[in-house]
Amino acid sequence: MLDQPGFKASIDHVIFAAGDSLSAAYGVRYCQQRGLPLRAVSGTLTRNPQMMREVEERMGMPCLNMTQMIAGEQLLQVLGVADTASTLRSLRLQAA
């Protein structure tokens, strides 16, 4: 599916979920080789701070845990949203 031009063209951001740093390394390389807009790594590996640091340092890729994803600010920064505070307020108002 990821190799289909129509589907690939519809993807704005990819966050790869991995269970450990080895699968994160494979996933990062896979996405980069296919020209996918990879923005961050997440998944169960984020339960281990050492694995998170390893991914960030060795692959140059932000690694976000569930708390960071839910809070939203770092997620929006990774996605390139310029005014994160305003966007978060807007999203919270829409959810209320």
Protein backbone atom coordinates (compact mmCIF):
# COMPACT_ATOMS: atom_id res chain seq x y z
CA MET A 1 0.00 0.00 0.00
CA LEU A 2 2.81 2.43 0.86
CA ASP A 3 4.29 1.94 -2.60
CA GLN A 4 1.06 2.98 -4.35
CA PRO A 5 1.57 6.51 -5.74
CA GLY A 6 -1.98 7.68 -4.98
CA PHE A 7 -1.87 6.53 -1.39
CA LYS A 8 1.66 7.78 -0.85
CA ALA A 9 0.71 11.22 -2.19
CA SER A 10 -2.08 11.48 0.39
CA ILE A 11 0.28 11.06 3.38
CA ASP A 12 1.37 14.27 5.12
CA HIS A 13 3.13 12.80 8.16
CA VAL A 14 4.32 9.39 9.34
CA ILE A 15 4.98 8.45 12.95
CA PHE A 16 6.52 4.98 13.04
CA ALA A 17 5.59 2.79 16.02
CA ALA A 18 8.30 0.37 17.12
CA GLY A 19 8.76 -2.10 19.92
CA ASP A 20 12.53 -1.72 20.27
CA SER A 21 15.44 0.27 18.88
CA LEU A 22 16.30 -2.37 16.26
CA SER A 23 12.80 -2.29 14.75
CA ALA A 24 12.89 1.52 14.94
CA ALA A 25 16.14 1.53 12.95
CA TYR A 26 14.58 -0.71 10.30
CA GLY A 27 11.38 1.35 10.18
CA VAL A 28 13.23 4.66 9.87
CA ARG A 29 15.35 3.29 7.04
CA TYR A 30 12.27 1.76 5.34
CA CYS A 31 10.37 5.06 5.43
CA GLN A 32 13.35 7.11 4.27
CA GLN A 33 14.10 4.77 1.35
CA ARG A 34 10.51 5.14 0.16
CA GLY A 35 10.46 8.91 0.52
CA LEU A 36 7.76 8.85 3.21
CA PRO A 37 7.41 11.99 5.36
CA LEU A 38 8.66 10.39 8.59
CA ARG A 39 8.42 12.84 11.48
CA ALA A 40 9.00 10.76 14.63
CA VAL A 41 9.23 7.33 16.22
CA SER A 42 6.90 6.16 18.97
CA GLY A 43 5.55 2.85 20.25
CA THR A 44 6.34 0.56 23.16
CA LEU A 45 10.06 1.32 22.92
CA THR A 46 9.23 4.66 24.57
CA ARG A 47 8.69 2.84 27.86
CA ASN A 48 12.47 2.64 28.04
CA PRO A 49 14.23 6.03 28.22
CA GLN A 50 17.54 4.47 27.11
CA MET A 51 15.95 3.14 23.90
CA MET A 52 14.39 6.56 23.26
CA ARG A 53 17.80 8.25 23.59
CA GLU A 54 19.36 5.63 21.32
CA VAL A 55 16.78 6.24 18.59
CA GLU A 56 17.14 10.02 18.84
CA GLU A 57 20.94 9.98 18.88
CA ARG A 58 21.68 7.26 16.34
CA MET A 59 18.90 7.92 13.89
CA GLY A 60 18.47 11.66 14.35
CA MET A 61 14.75 11.11 14.74
CA PRO A 62 12.52 12.53 17.51
CA CYS A 63 11.07 9.84 19.74
CA LEU A 64 7.75 10.63 21.44
CA ASN A 65 6.13 8.68 24.26
CA MET A 66 2.39 8.46 24.88
CA THR A 67 2.39 11.32 27.39
CA GLN A 68 4.09 13.63 24.89
CA MET A 69 1.71 12.59 22.12
CA ILE A 70 -1.39 13.21 24.26
CA ALA A 71 -0.11 16.55 25.60
CA GLY A 72 0.34 17.59 22.00
CA GLU A 73 2.94 20.36 22.13
CA GLN A 74 5.97 18.27 21.14
CA LEU A 75 3.87 16.36 18.62
CA LEU A 76 2.82 19.60 16.94
CA GLN A 77 6.44 20.80 16.90
CA VAL A 78 7.52 17.57 15.20
CA LEU A 79 4.73 18.01 12.65
CA GLY A 80 5.95 21.54 11.91
CA VAL A 81 3.04 23.50 13.37
CA ALA A 82 4.37 27.01 13.95
CA ASP A 83 2.02 28.26 16.68
CA THR A 84 1.64 25.22 18.92
CA ALA A 85 0.02 27.07 21.85
CA SER A 86 -2.72 28.57 19.70
CA THR A 87 -3.34 25.28 17.91
CA LEU A 88 -3.62 23.38 21.20
CA ARG A 89 -6.13 25.94 22.56
CA SER A 90 -8.18 25.63 19.38
CA LEU A 91 -8.15 21.83 19.53
CA ARG A 92 -9.15 21.81 23.19
CA LEU A 93 -12.04 24.19 22.51
CA GLN A 94 -13.26 21.99 19.66
CA ALA A 95 -13.13 18.92 21.89
CA ALA A 96 -15.13 20.60 24.67
